[in-house]
């Protein structure tokens, strides 16, 4: 008999974890072996239990999901990580996949699609929720089909929506912690978006950013 896929649930909502456990444990080839309610507990439980897959929420206390992914992969490079989140944001998806996640599913899909995703990721495939796949295609298609020399000369067009939001708040004088609270991000994630956006715009100081944002009309 083939051993079931061993899963660690990581979400700060106990009721959701209970529902997920019932759904997953109803499948003969899947088994929940542990639960965690915050990022640091997730790291500790993964070390202790050695799961095959971590079903990970993005928005958690202590360490958020994006911060936890590289730590989990550093501890166990072969560990499969699948994001289960309410955020249908393309930036979150790209950050999660870049950090080492193999799947991204929205919480509205806590049904048969989630079970399919778990099995796909465990087989070594990458699984992205269908709604997010459409967003990826919509983002990629204009770049491939309609890009012009004038557009390539505009560095702002290289920024994601999230990077523009962060840089706009920086230009308005918000501190990283304030931006994190405003956009429901971790401070570390804000720092990443800020640094990446500044690099794309080839800016070194906040004064340069304020000038660029004014010219762009973002501070009206």
N, C-alpha and C. Protein backbone atom coordinates (compact mmCIF):
# COMPACT_ATOMS: atom_id res chain seq x y z
N UNK A 1 0.84 -1.20 0.00
CA UNK A 1 0.00 0.00 0.00
C UNK A 1 0.88 1.25 0.00
N UNK A 2 0.55 2.22 -0.87
CA UNK A 2 1.34 3.44 -0.97
C UNK A 2 1.03 4.34 0.23
N UNK A 3 2.08 4.89 0.83
CA UNK A 3 1.91 5.77 1.99
C UNK A 3 1.22 7.05 1.56
N UNK A 4 0.34 7.59 2.40
CA UNK A 4 -0.35 8.83 2.04
C UNK A 4 0.59 10.03 2.04
N UNK A 5 0.21 11.07 1.33
CA UNK A 5 0.94 12.32 1.32
C UNK A 5 0.75 12.99 2.68
N UNK A 6 1.84 13.32 3.33
CA UNK A 6 1.80 13.86 4.69
C UNK A 6 1.82 15.39 4.63
N UNK A 7 0.81 16.02 5.23
CA UNK A 7 0.58 17.45 5.03
C UNK A 7 0.59 18.19 6.37
N UNK A 8 1.26 19.33 6.39
CA UNK A 8 1.23 20.26 7.52
C UNK A 8 0.36 21.45 7.15
N UNK A 9 -0.64 21.76 7.97
CA UNK A 9 -1.52 22.90 7.74
C UNK A 9 -0.99 24.11 8.49
N UNK A 10 -0.80 25.22 7.80
CA UNK A 10 -0.29 26.44 8.43
C UNK A 10 -1.22 27.60 8.12
N UNK A 11 -2.05 27.96 9.10
CA UNK A 11 -3.01 29.06 8.96
C UNK A 11 -3.37 29.53 10.36
N UNK A 12 -3.56 30.83 10.52
CA UNK A 12 -3.83 31.35 11.86
C UNK A 12 -5.30 31.27 12.26
N UNK A 13 -6.13 30.70 11.40
CA UNK A 13 -7.55 30.54 11.74
C UNK A 13 -7.84 29.07 12.05
N UNK A 14 -8.10 28.77 13.32
CA UNK A 14 -8.29 27.39 13.76
C UNK A 14 -9.50 26.74 13.09
N UNK A 15 -10.56 27.52 12.86
CA UNK A 15 -11.77 26.96 12.24
C UNK A 15 -11.47 26.51 10.82
N UNK A 16 -10.71 27.32 10.07
CA UNK A 16 -10.34 26.94 8.72
C UNK A 16 -9.47 25.68 8.73
N UNK A 17 -8.52 25.62 9.65
CA UNK A 17 -7.67 24.43 9.74
C UNK A 17 -8.51 23.18 10.01
N UNK A 18 -9.51 23.31 10.85
CA UNK A 18 -10.38 22.16 11.15
C UNK A 18 -11.11 21.69 9.90
N UNK A 19 -11.62 22.65 9.13
CA UNK A 19 -12.31 22.29 7.90
C UNK A 19 -11.39 21.65 6.89
N UNK A 20 -10.17 22.19 6.78
CA UNK A 20 -9.18 21.62 5.86
C UNK A 20 -8.82 20.20 6.28
N UNK A 21 -8.65 19.99 7.58
CA UNK A 21 -8.30 18.65 8.06
C UNK A 21 -9.38 17.64 7.70
N UNK A 22 -10.64 18.02 7.91
CA UNK A 22 -11.74 17.12 7.57
C UNK A 22 -11.74 16.77 6.09
N UNK A 23 -11.55 17.79 5.25
CA UNK A 23 -11.54 17.58 3.80
C UNK A 23 -10.39 16.68 3.38
N UNK A 24 -9.20 17.01 3.86
CA UNK A 24 -8.00 16.27 3.43
C UNK A 24 -7.99 14.84 3.97
N UNK A 25 -8.34 14.69 5.24
CA UNK A 25 -8.30 13.35 5.84
C UNK A 25 -9.39 12.42 5.32
N UNK A 26 -10.35 12.99 4.57
CA UNK A 26 -11.38 12.14 3.96
C UNK A 26 -10.84 11.40 2.74
N UNK A 27 -9.62 11.77 2.30
CA UNK A 27 -9.01 11.15 1.12
C UNK A 27 -8.01 10.07 1.55
N UNK A 28 -8.10 8.89 0.99
CA UNK A 28 -7.22 7.80 1.44
C UNK A 28 -5.73 8.04 1.15
N UNK A 29 -5.43 8.91 0.18
CA UNK A 29 -4.03 9.13 -0.18
C UNK A 29 -3.45 10.39 0.45
N UNK A 30 -4.22 11.06 1.32
CA UNK A 30 -3.77 12.30 1.95
C UNK A 30 -3.95 12.20 3.46
N UNK A 31 -3.02 12.83 4.22
CA UNK A 31 -3.13 12.80 5.67
C UNK A 31 -2.54 14.06 6.29
N UNK A 32 -3.30 14.74 7.14
CA UNK A 32 -2.79 15.88 7.89
C UNK A 32 -2.03 15.35 9.10
N UNK A 33 -0.77 15.73 9.22
CA UNK A 33 0.05 15.24 10.34
C UNK A 33 0.32 16.32 11.38
N UNK A 34 -0.10 17.55 11.11
CA UNK A 34 0.13 18.60 12.08
C UNK A 34 -0.45 19.91 11.64
N UNK A 35 -0.55 20.85 12.59
CA UNK A 35 -1.09 22.18 12.31
C UNK A 35 -0.20 23.23 12.96
N UNK A 36 -0.19 24.42 12.37
CA UNK A 36 0.55 25.55 12.91
C UNK A 36 -0.27 26.81 12.74
N UNK A 37 -0.19 27.72 13.73
CA UNK A 37 -1.00 28.92 13.70
C UNK A 37 -0.25 30.20 13.38
N UNK A 38 1.08 30.10 13.27
CA UNK A 38 1.86 31.27 12.87
C UNK A 38 3.12 30.81 12.14
N UNK A 39 3.88 31.77 11.60
CA UNK A 39 5.02 31.43 10.77
C UNK A 39 6.12 30.69 11.51
N UNK A 40 6.43 31.14 12.72
CA UNK A 40 7.52 30.49 13.46
C UNK A 40 7.14 29.08 13.88
N UNK A 41 5.89 28.90 14.26
CA UNK A 41 5.43 27.55 14.60
C UNK A 41 5.47 26.64 13.38
N UNK A 42 5.19 27.20 12.21
CA UNK A 42 5.26 26.43 10.97
C UNK A 42 6.67 25.89 10.74
N UNK A 43 7.68 26.75 10.93
CA UNK A 43 9.07 26.32 10.75
C UNK A 43 9.39 25.20 11.73
N UNK A 44 8.99 25.37 13.01
CA UNK A 44 9.29 24.38 14.03
C UNK A 44 8.59 23.05 13.75
N UNK A 45 7.31 23.12 13.36
CA UNK A 45 6.55 21.89 13.09
C UNK A 45 7.09 21.17 11.85
N UNK A 46 7.49 21.94 10.85
CA UNK A 46 8.06 21.30 9.65
C UNK A 46 9.35 20.57 10.00
N UNK A 47 10.16 21.17 10.86
CA UNK A 47 11.41 20.52 11.29
C UNK A 47 11.10 19.25 12.08
N UNK A 48 10.10 19.33 12.94
CA UNK A 48 9.76 18.19 13.81
C UNK A 48 9.09 17.05 13.06
N UNK A 49 8.14 17.37 12.17
CA UNK A 49 7.28 16.35 11.57
C UNK A 49 7.73 15.88 10.19
N UNK A 50 8.58 16.68 9.52
CA UNK A 50 9.07 16.32 8.19
C UNK A 50 7.93 15.98 7.21
N UNK A 51 7.03 16.91 6.97
CA UNK A 51 5.91 16.63 6.05
C UNK A 51 6.38 16.57 4.60
N UNK A 52 5.51 16.02 3.74
CA UNK A 52 5.78 16.04 2.30
C UNK A 52 5.38 17.39 1.70
N UNK A 53 4.37 18.02 2.31
CA UNK A 53 3.84 19.28 1.77
C UNK A 53 3.35 20.16 2.91
N UNK A 54 3.61 21.46 2.79
CA UNK A 54 3.07 22.45 3.72
C UNK A 54 2.02 23.26 2.97
N UNK A 55 0.81 23.28 3.51
CA UNK A 55 -0.26 24.12 2.97
C UNK A 55 -0.22 25.41 3.76
N UNK A 56 0.22 26.49 3.12
CA UNK A 56 0.67 27.68 3.82
C UNK A 56 -0.16 28.92 3.48
N UNK A 57 -0.65 29.59 4.52
CA UNK A 57 -1.33 30.88 4.33
C UNK A 57 -0.28 31.98 4.20
N UNK A 58 -0.60 33.05 3.48
CA UNK A 58 0.33 34.16 3.34
C UNK A 58 0.30 35.10 4.54
N UNK A 59 -0.88 35.37 5.05
CA UNK A 59 -1.04 36.37 6.11
C UNK A 59 -1.11 35.68 7.47
N UNK A 60 0.05 35.59 8.16
CA UNK A 60 0.11 34.95 9.46
C UNK A 60 0.95 35.79 10.42
N UNK A 61 0.71 35.63 11.73
CA UNK A 61 1.54 36.35 12.71
C UNK A 61 2.98 35.84 12.72
N UNK A 62 3.83 36.59 13.41
CA UNK A 62 5.24 36.25 13.59
C UNK A 62 6.01 36.35 12.27
N UNK A 63 5.87 35.34 11.42
CA UNK A 63 6.44 35.37 10.06
C UNK A 63 5.29 35.18 9.08
N UNK A 64 5.22 36.01 8.03
CA UNK A 64 4.18 35.76 7.05
C UNK A 64 4.64 34.66 6.09
N UNK A 65 3.74 34.26 5.23
CA UNK A 65 4.04 33.14 4.34
C UNK A 65 5.23 33.37 3.44
N UNK A 66 5.34 34.59 2.89
CA UNK A 66 6.45 34.89 1.99
C UNK A 66 7.80 34.83 2.71
N UNK A 67 7.81 35.20 3.99
CA UNK A 67 9.04 35.09 4.77
C UNK A 67 9.34 33.65 5.15
N UNK A 68 8.31 32.86 5.36
CA UNK A 68 8.50 31.48 5.80
C UNK A 68 8.99 30.56 4.69
N UNK A 69 8.59 30.83 3.45
CA UNK A 69 8.93 29.91 2.35
C UNK A 69 10.43 29.65 2.24
N UNK A 70 11.29 30.68 2.12
CA UNK A 70 12.72 30.38 1.98
C UNK A 70 13.32 29.67 3.20
N UNK A 71 12.78 29.95 4.39
CA UNK A 71 13.27 29.27 5.59
C UNK A 71 12.89 27.78 5.56
N UNK A 72 11.68 27.50 5.10
CA UNK A 72 11.26 26.11 4.97
C UNK A 72 12.09 25.36 3.93
N UNK A 73 12.35 26.01 2.80
CA UNK A 73 13.13 25.39 1.73
C UNK A 73 14.59 25.22 2.14
N UNK A 74 15.10 26.14 2.93
CA UNK A 74 16.47 26.02 3.41
C UNK A 74 16.62 24.80 4.31
N UNK A 75 15.60 24.57 5.14
CA UNK A 75 15.60 23.43 6.04
C UNK A 75 15.41 22.12 5.29
N UNK A 76 14.53 22.12 4.28
CA UNK A 76 14.20 20.90 3.53
C UNK A 76 13.98 21.27 2.07
N UNK A 77 15.03 21.25 1.25
CA UNK A 77 14.93 21.69 -0.15
C UNK A 77 13.87 20.95 -0.97
N UNK A 78 13.60 19.70 -0.63
CA UNK A 78 12.63 18.91 -1.40
C UNK A 78 11.19 19.09 -0.91
N UNK A 79 11.00 19.84 0.16
CA UNK A 79 9.67 20.05 0.69
C UNK A 79 8.80 20.81 -0.32
N UNK A 80 7.59 20.33 -0.52
CA UNK A 80 6.64 21.02 -1.40
C UNK A 80 5.83 22.02 -0.58
N UNK A 81 5.69 23.22 -1.11
CA UNK A 81 4.94 24.28 -0.43
C UNK A 81 3.85 24.78 -1.35
N UNK A 82 2.63 24.78 -0.84
CA UNK A 82 1.51 25.29 -1.62
C UNK A 82 0.82 26.40 -0.83
N UNK A 83 0.66 27.54 -1.46
CA UNK A 83 0.01 28.68 -0.84
C UNK A 83 -1.51 28.53 -0.95
N UNK A 84 -2.18 28.71 0.19
CA UNK A 84 -3.65 28.77 0.21
C UNK A 84 -4.01 30.12 0.81
N UNK A 85 -4.56 31.02 0.01
CA UNK A 85 -4.72 32.40 0.43
C UNK A 85 -6.00 33.02 -0.11
N UNK A 86 -6.37 34.14 0.51
CA UNK A 86 -7.52 34.91 0.00
C UNK A 86 -7.07 35.95 -1.02
N UNK A 87 -5.75 36.16 -1.15
CA UNK A 87 -5.23 37.24 -1.99
C UNK A 87 -5.11 36.79 -3.45
N UNK A 88 -5.94 37.37 -4.32
CA UNK A 88 -5.86 37.08 -5.75
C UNK A 88 -5.02 38.15 -6.44
N UNK A 89 -3.85 38.40 -5.87
CA UNK A 89 -2.96 39.46 -6.33
C UNK A 89 -1.79 38.85 -7.09
N UNK A 90 -1.56 39.32 -8.32
CA UNK A 90 -0.53 38.74 -9.16
C UNK A 90 0.86 38.92 -8.56
N UNK A 91 1.06 40.01 -7.81
CA UNK A 91 2.36 40.24 -7.18
C UNK A 91 2.64 39.19 -6.11
N UNK A 92 1.63 38.87 -5.32
CA UNK A 92 1.79 37.82 -4.32
C UNK A 92 2.13 36.49 -4.97
N UNK A 93 1.43 36.18 -6.05
CA UNK A 93 1.69 34.93 -6.77
C UNK A 93 3.13 34.87 -7.25
N UNK A 94 3.59 35.92 -7.90
CA UNK A 94 4.95 35.92 -8.43
C UNK A 94 5.98 35.84 -7.31
N UNK A 95 5.74 36.56 -6.21
CA UNK A 95 6.67 36.53 -5.08
C UNK A 95 6.73 35.11 -4.48
N UNK A 96 5.57 34.47 -4.34
CA UNK A 96 5.52 33.14 -3.75
C UNK A 96 6.25 32.12 -4.61
N UNK A 97 6.01 32.15 -5.92
CA UNK A 97 6.68 31.21 -6.81
C UNK A 97 8.18 31.47 -6.85
N UNK A 98 8.56 32.74 -6.85
CA UNK A 98 9.98 33.09 -6.85
C UNK A 98 10.67 32.61 -5.57
N UNK A 99 9.94 32.67 -4.45
CA UNK A 99 10.52 32.26 -3.16
C UNK A 99 10.67 30.76 -3.05
N UNK A 100 9.91 30.00 -3.86
CA UNK A 100 10.06 28.55 -3.82
C UNK A 100 8.78 27.75 -3.68
N UNK A 101 7.63 28.43 -3.67
CA UNK A 101 6.36 27.70 -3.62
C UNK A 101 6.10 27.00 -4.94
N UNK A 102 5.37 25.90 -4.87
CA UNK A 102 5.05 25.13 -6.08
C UNK A 102 3.58 25.23 -6.46
N UNK A 103 2.79 25.90 -5.62
CA UNK A 103 1.37 26.01 -5.92
C UNK A 103 0.77 27.24 -5.28
N UNK A 104 -0.32 27.72 -5.86
CA UNK A 104 -1.00 28.92 -5.37
C UNK A 104 -2.49 28.73 -5.61
N UNK A 105 -3.25 28.55 -4.52
CA UNK A 105 -4.68 28.29 -4.63
C UNK A 105 -5.42 29.29 -3.75
N UNK A 106 -6.54 29.79 -4.24
CA UNK A 106 -7.36 30.72 -3.46
C UNK A 106 -8.27 29.96 -2.51
N UNK A 107 -8.55 30.58 -1.37
CA UNK A 107 -9.34 29.90 -0.35
C UNK A 107 -10.76 29.60 -0.81
N UNK A 108 -11.22 30.30 -1.82
CA UNK A 108 -12.55 30.00 -2.36
C UNK A 108 -12.57 28.63 -3.03
N UNK A 109 -11.40 28.03 -3.23
CA UNK A 109 -11.33 26.74 -3.92
C UNK A 109 -11.09 25.59 -2.94
N UNK A 110 -11.54 25.75 -1.69
CA UNK A 110 -11.34 24.70 -0.71
C UNK A 110 -12.36 23.59 -0.98
N UNK A 111 -12.08 22.82 -2.00
CA UNK A 111 -12.95 21.72 -2.41
C UNK A 111 -12.12 20.76 -3.24
N UNK A 112 -12.71 20.22 -4.27
CA UNK A 112 -12.01 19.24 -5.11
C UNK A 112 -10.76 19.85 -5.75
N UNK A 113 -10.81 21.13 -6.12
CA UNK A 113 -9.64 21.75 -6.75
C UNK A 113 -8.44 21.75 -5.82
N UNK A 114 -8.67 21.99 -4.54
CA UNK A 114 -7.57 21.97 -3.58
C UNK A 114 -6.92 20.59 -3.53
N UNK A 115 -7.74 19.55 -3.52
CA UNK A 115 -7.21 18.19 -3.48
C UNK A 115 -6.41 17.88 -4.75
N UNK A 116 -6.91 18.33 -5.88
CA UNK A 116 -6.20 18.15 -7.15
C UNK A 116 -4.86 18.88 -7.11
N UNK A 117 -4.88 20.10 -6.57
CA UNK A 117 -3.66 20.90 -6.49
C UNK A 117 -2.61 20.22 -5.61
N UNK A 118 -3.03 19.69 -4.47
CA UNK A 118 -2.10 19.01 -3.56
C UNK A 118 -1.43 17.84 -4.27
N UNK A 119 -2.20 17.05 -4.97
CA UNK A 119 -1.64 15.89 -5.66
C UNK A 119 -0.70 16.32 -6.79
N UNK A 120 -1.08 17.38 -7.51
CA UNK A 120 -0.24 17.86 -8.62
C UNK A 120 1.11 18.36 -8.10
N UNK A 121 1.08 19.16 -7.05
CA UNK A 121 2.32 19.71 -6.49
C UNK A 121 3.22 18.60 -5.95
N UNK A 122 2.61 17.61 -5.32
CA UNK A 122 3.39 16.50 -4.78
C UNK A 122 4.06 15.69 -5.89
N UNK A 123 3.45 15.67 -7.06
CA UNK A 123 4.06 14.97 -8.21
C UNK A 123 5.20 15.77 -8.82
N UNK A 124 5.43 16.97 -8.33
CA UNK A 124 6.51 17.79 -8.87
C UNK A 124 6.05 18.83 -9.86
N UNK A 125 4.74 18.99 -10.02
CA UNK A 125 4.20 19.98 -10.94
C UNK A 125 3.97 21.31 -10.22
N UNK A 126 3.77 22.36 -10.99
CA UNK A 126 3.39 23.66 -10.43
C UNK A 126 1.90 23.86 -10.69
N UNK A 127 1.17 24.21 -9.64
CA UNK A 127 -0.28 24.38 -9.78
C UNK A 127 -0.66 25.80 -9.41
N UNK A 128 -1.35 26.48 -10.32
CA UNK A 128 -1.82 27.84 -10.07
C UNK A 128 -3.33 27.87 -10.28
N UNK A 129 -4.03 28.43 -9.32
CA UNK A 129 -5.49 28.56 -9.40
C UNK A 129 -5.89 29.17 -10.74
N UNK A 130 -6.98 28.68 -11.30
CA UNK A 130 -7.38 29.08 -12.64
C UNK A 130 -7.57 30.59 -12.77
N UNK A 131 -8.13 31.24 -11.75
CA UNK A 131 -8.32 32.70 -11.82
C UNK A 131 -6.99 33.43 -11.89
N UNK A 132 -5.98 32.90 -11.19
CA UNK A 132 -4.66 33.52 -11.20
C UNK A 132 -3.95 33.26 -12.53
N UNK A 133 -4.19 32.10 -13.12
CA UNK A 133 -3.60 31.80 -14.43
C UNK A 133 -4.09 32.81 -15.47
N UNK A 134 -5.37 33.15 -15.40
CA UNK A 134 -5.91 34.14 -16.33
C UNK A 134 -5.26 35.51 -16.13
N UNK A 135 -4.99 35.87 -14.88
CA UNK A 135 -4.33 37.15 -14.62
C UNK A 135 -2.91 37.14 -15.17
N UNK A 136 -2.23 36.01 -15.04
CA UNK A 136 -0.88 35.91 -15.59
C UNK A 136 -0.90 36.09 -17.10
N UNK A 137 -1.87 35.45 -17.75
CA UNK A 137 -1.96 35.56 -19.21
C UNK A 137 -2.29 36.99 -19.63
N UNK A 138 -3.20 37.65 -18.90
CA UNK A 138 -3.55 39.02 -19.24
C UNK A 138 -2.36 39.96 -19.04
N UNK A 139 -1.55 39.65 -18.05
CA UNK A 139 -0.37 40.48 -17.80
C UNK A 139 0.69 40.27 -18.88
N UNK A 140 0.84 39.02 -19.30
CA UNK A 140 1.90 38.70 -20.27
C UNK A 140 1.52 39.09 -21.69
N UNK A 141 0.27 38.90 -22.08
CA UNK A 141 -0.12 39.11 -23.47
C UNK A 141 0.15 40.52 -23.99
N UNK A 142 -0.22 41.57 -23.25
CA UNK A 142 0.07 42.91 -23.78
C UNK A 142 1.56 43.17 -23.97
N UNK A 143 2.37 42.64 -23.09
CA UNK A 143 3.81 42.83 -23.21
C UNK A 143 4.35 42.15 -24.47
N UNK A 144 3.77 41.01 -24.79
CA UNK A 144 4.25 40.26 -25.95
C UNK A 144 3.69 40.80 -27.26
N UNK A 145 2.47 41.33 -27.18
CA UNK A 145 1.79 41.67 -28.43
C UNK A 145 1.80 43.15 -28.80
N UNK A 146 1.83 44.03 -27.79
CA UNK A 146 1.62 45.43 -28.11
C UNK A 146 2.73 46.35 -27.65
N UNK A 147 3.83 45.83 -27.17
CA UNK A 147 4.90 46.69 -26.67
C UNK A 147 5.51 47.49 -27.81
N UNK A 148 5.83 48.75 -27.54
CA UNK A 148 6.40 49.64 -28.54
C UNK A 148 7.67 50.25 -27.99
N UNK A 149 8.52 50.83 -28.86
CA UNK A 149 9.74 51.47 -28.36
C UNK A 149 9.46 52.54 -27.32
N UNK A 150 8.38 53.33 -27.50
CA UNK A 150 8.05 54.37 -26.53
C UNK A 150 7.74 53.78 -25.16
N UNK A 151 7.07 52.62 -25.16
CA UNK A 151 6.73 51.98 -23.90
C UNK A 151 7.97 51.44 -23.20
N UNK A 152 8.89 50.89 -23.95
CA UNK A 152 10.10 50.35 -23.34
C UNK A 152 10.94 51.47 -22.76
N UNK A 153 10.78 52.72 -23.27
CA UNK A 153 11.54 53.84 -22.75
C UNK A 153 10.95 54.36 -21.45
N UNK A 154 9.77 53.93 -21.08
CA UNK A 154 9.11 54.38 -19.86
C UNK A 154 9.34 53.36 -18.76
N UNK A 155 10.24 53.63 -17.79
CA UNK A 155 10.54 52.64 -16.76
C UNK A 155 9.37 52.34 -15.86
N UNK A 156 8.41 53.28 -15.74
CA UNK A 156 7.25 53.02 -14.89
C UNK A 156 6.44 51.83 -15.38
N UNK A 157 6.49 51.55 -16.68
CA UNK A 157 5.73 50.43 -17.22
C UNK A 157 6.33 49.09 -16.84
N UNK A 158 7.55 49.11 -16.30
CA UNK A 158 8.18 47.87 -15.84
C UNK A 158 7.76 47.52 -14.41
N UNK A 159 7.08 48.45 -13.73
CA UNK A 159 6.68 48.24 -12.35
C UNK A 159 5.35 47.49 -12.26
N UNK A 160 5.24 46.63 -11.26
CA UNK A 160 3.96 45.99 -10.98
C UNK A 160 3.06 46.98 -10.25
N UNK A 161 1.78 46.66 -10.16
CA UNK A 161 0.84 47.52 -9.45
C UNK A 161 1.26 47.68 -7.99
N UNK A 162 1.74 46.60 -7.39
CA UNK A 162 2.13 46.65 -5.99
C UNK A 162 3.36 47.54 -5.80
N UNK A 163 4.31 47.47 -6.72
CA UNK A 163 5.50 48.33 -6.63
C UNK A 163 5.11 49.79 -6.76
N UNK A 164 4.18 50.11 -7.65
CA UNK A 164 3.72 51.50 -7.80
C UNK A 164 3.05 51.97 -6.51
N UNK A 165 2.22 51.12 -5.92
CA UNK A 165 1.53 51.48 -4.68
C UNK A 165 2.52 51.79 -3.57
N UNK A 166 3.52 50.92 -3.43
CA UNK A 166 4.53 51.11 -2.38
C UNK A 166 5.31 52.39 -2.61
N UNK A 167 5.79 52.60 -3.84
CA UNK A 167 6.61 53.78 -4.12
C UNK A 167 5.80 55.07 -3.99
N UNK A 168 4.53 55.03 -4.33
CA UNK A 168 3.68 56.21 -4.16
C UNK A 168 3.59 56.61 -2.69
N UNK A 169 3.42 55.61 -1.83
CA UNK A 169 3.33 55.90 -0.40
C UNK A 169 4.68 56.35 0.16
N UNK A 170 5.77 55.78 -0.36
CA UNK A 170 7.10 56.24 0.05
C UNK A 170 7.26 57.71 -0.31
N UNK A 171 6.87 58.06 -1.52
CA UNK A 171 6.99 59.45 -1.97
C UNK A 171 6.14 60.40 -1.14
N UNK A 172 5.04 59.88 -0.60
CA UNK A 172 4.16 60.70 0.23
C UNK A 172 4.67 60.82 1.66
N UNK A 173 5.77 60.13 1.96
CA UNK A 173 6.38 60.27 3.28
C UNK A 173 6.06 59.15 4.25
N UNK A 174 5.38 58.10 3.81
CA UNK A 174 5.06 56.99 4.69
C UNK A 174 6.33 56.19 5.02
N UNK A 175 6.45 55.74 6.25
CA UNK A 175 7.53 54.83 6.63
C UNK A 175 7.15 53.41 6.21
N UNK A 176 8.14 52.52 6.15
CA UNK A 176 7.88 51.14 5.72
C UNK A 176 6.82 50.46 6.58
N UNK A 177 6.87 50.70 7.89
CA UNK A 177 5.90 50.07 8.78
C UNK A 177 4.48 50.57 8.50
N UNK A 178 4.36 51.86 8.19
CA UNK A 178 3.05 52.42 7.86
C UNK A 178 2.52 51.85 6.55
N UNK A 179 3.42 51.70 5.58
CA UNK A 179 3.03 51.12 4.29
C UNK A 179 2.58 49.68 4.47
N UNK A 180 3.31 48.95 5.30
CA UNK A 180 2.94 47.55 5.56
C UNK A 180 1.53 47.46 6.13
N UNK A 181 1.20 48.36 7.06
CA UNK A 181 -0.13 48.36 7.65
C UNK A 181 -1.18 48.79 6.63
N UNK A 182 -0.86 49.77 5.81
CA UNK A 182 -1.80 50.28 4.82
C UNK A 182 -2.14 49.24 3.75
N UNK A 183 -1.13 48.47 3.32
CA UNK A 183 -1.31 47.52 2.21
C UNK A 183 -1.43 46.07 2.67
N UNK A 184 -1.46 45.87 4.00
CA UNK A 184 -1.59 44.52 4.55
C UNK A 184 -0.43 43.62 4.10
N UNK A 185 0.78 44.16 4.21
CA UNK A 185 1.99 43.42 3.85
C UNK A 185 2.90 43.37 5.08
N UNK A 186 3.91 42.51 5.01
CA UNK A 186 4.94 42.53 6.05
C UNK A 186 5.92 43.65 5.72
N UNK A 187 6.64 44.13 6.72
CA UNK A 187 7.63 45.18 6.48
C UNK A 187 8.70 44.69 5.51
N UNK A 188 9.10 43.43 5.65
CA UNK A 188 10.12 42.87 4.76
C UNK A 188 9.65 42.87 3.31
N UNK A 189 8.38 42.54 3.09
CA UNK A 189 7.84 42.54 1.73
C UNK A 189 7.80 43.95 1.17
N UNK A 190 7.44 44.92 2.01
CA UNK A 190 7.45 46.33 1.58
C UNK A 190 8.86 46.73 1.17
N UNK A 191 9.84 46.35 1.97
CA UNK A 191 11.23 46.68 1.66
C UNK A 191 11.65 46.10 0.31
N UNK A 192 11.18 44.88 0.05
CA UNK A 192 11.51 44.22 -1.23
C UNK A 192 10.90 44.99 -2.40
N UNK A 193 9.61 45.32 -2.31
CA UNK A 193 8.95 46.07 -3.38
C UNK A 193 9.60 47.44 -3.56
N UNK A 194 9.94 48.08 -2.46
CA UNK A 194 10.54 49.41 -2.52
C UNK A 194 11.90 49.36 -3.22
N UNK A 195 12.74 48.42 -2.82
CA UNK A 195 14.08 48.31 -3.42
C UNK A 195 14.00 47.94 -4.88
N UNK A 196 13.10 47.00 -5.21
CA UNK A 196 12.98 46.55 -6.59
C UNK A 196 12.45 47.66 -7.49
N UNK A 197 11.45 48.42 -6.98
CA UNK A 197 10.90 49.51 -7.76
C UNK A 197 11.90 50.63 -7.98
N UNK A 198 12.65 50.97 -6.94
CA UNK A 198 13.67 52.01 -7.07
C UNK A 198 14.73 51.60 -8.09
N UNK A 199 15.09 50.32 -8.07
CA UNK A 199 16.09 49.83 -9.02
C UNK A 199 15.57 49.92 -10.45
N UNK A 200 14.32 49.54 -10.67
CA UNK A 200 13.75 49.60 -12.01
C UNK A 200 13.68 51.04 -12.53
N UNK A 201 13.44 51.99 -11.63
CA UNK A 201 13.36 53.39 -12.02
C UNK A 201 14.73 54.06 -12.04
N UNK A 202 15.74 53.32 -11.60
CA UNK A 202 17.12 53.85 -11.54
C UNK A 202 17.19 55.08 -10.64
N UNK A 203 16.56 54.97 -9.46
CA UNK A 203 16.55 56.05 -8.49
C UNK A 203 17.32 55.61 -7.25
N UNK A 204 18.03 56.56 -6.63
CA UNK A 204 18.82 56.22 -5.45
C UNK A 204 18.29 56.85 -4.16
N UNK A 205 17.58 57.96 -4.25
CA UNK A 205 17.14 58.67 -3.05
C UNK A 205 15.64 58.91 -3.07
N UNK A 206 15.09 59.20 -1.88
CA UNK A 206 13.67 59.50 -1.80
C UNK A 206 13.35 60.81 -2.52
N UNK A 207 14.28 61.77 -2.47
CA UNK A 207 14.06 63.05 -3.16
C UNK A 207 13.89 62.82 -4.65
N UNK A 208 14.69 61.92 -5.22
CA UNK A 208 14.55 61.60 -6.64
C UNK A 208 13.20 60.93 -6.91
N UNK A 209 12.78 60.09 -5.97
CA UNK A 209 11.50 59.41 -6.12
C UNK A 209 10.35 60.41 -6.07
N UNK A 210 10.41 61.36 -5.14
CA UNK A 210 9.35 62.37 -5.03
C UNK A 210 9.24 63.15 -6.33
N UNK A 211 10.37 63.55 -6.89
CA UNK A 211 10.37 64.30 -8.15
C UNK A 211 9.75 63.45 -9.27
N UNK A 212 10.15 62.17 -9.34
CA UNK A 212 9.63 61.28 -10.39
C UNK A 212 8.13 61.05 -10.20
N UNK A 213 7.70 60.90 -8.96
CA UNK A 213 6.28 60.67 -8.69
C UNK A 213 5.44 61.90 -9.02
N UNK A 214 5.99 63.08 -8.75
CA UNK A 214 5.29 64.33 -9.11
C UNK A 214 5.13 64.43 -10.62
N UNK A 215 6.21 64.15 -11.34
CA UNK A 215 6.16 64.20 -12.81
C UNK A 215 5.18 63.19 -13.36
N UNK A 216 5.04 62.09 -12.65
CA UNK A 216 4.13 61.03 -13.09
C UNK A 216 2.68 61.34 -12.74
N UNK A 217 2.48 62.33 -11.86
CA UNK A 217 1.12 62.67 -11.45
C UNK A 217 0.57 61.82 -10.34
N UNK A 218 1.46 61.13 -9.61
CA UNK A 218 1.02 60.23 -8.56
C UNK A 218 0.74 60.93 -7.25
N UNK A 219 1.16 62.17 -7.10
CA UNK A 219 1.00 62.88 -5.83
C UNK A 219 -0.05 63.97 -5.91
N UNK A 220 -0.84 63.97 -6.97
CA UNK A 220 -1.90 64.98 -7.10
C UNK A 220 -2.97 64.76 -6.05
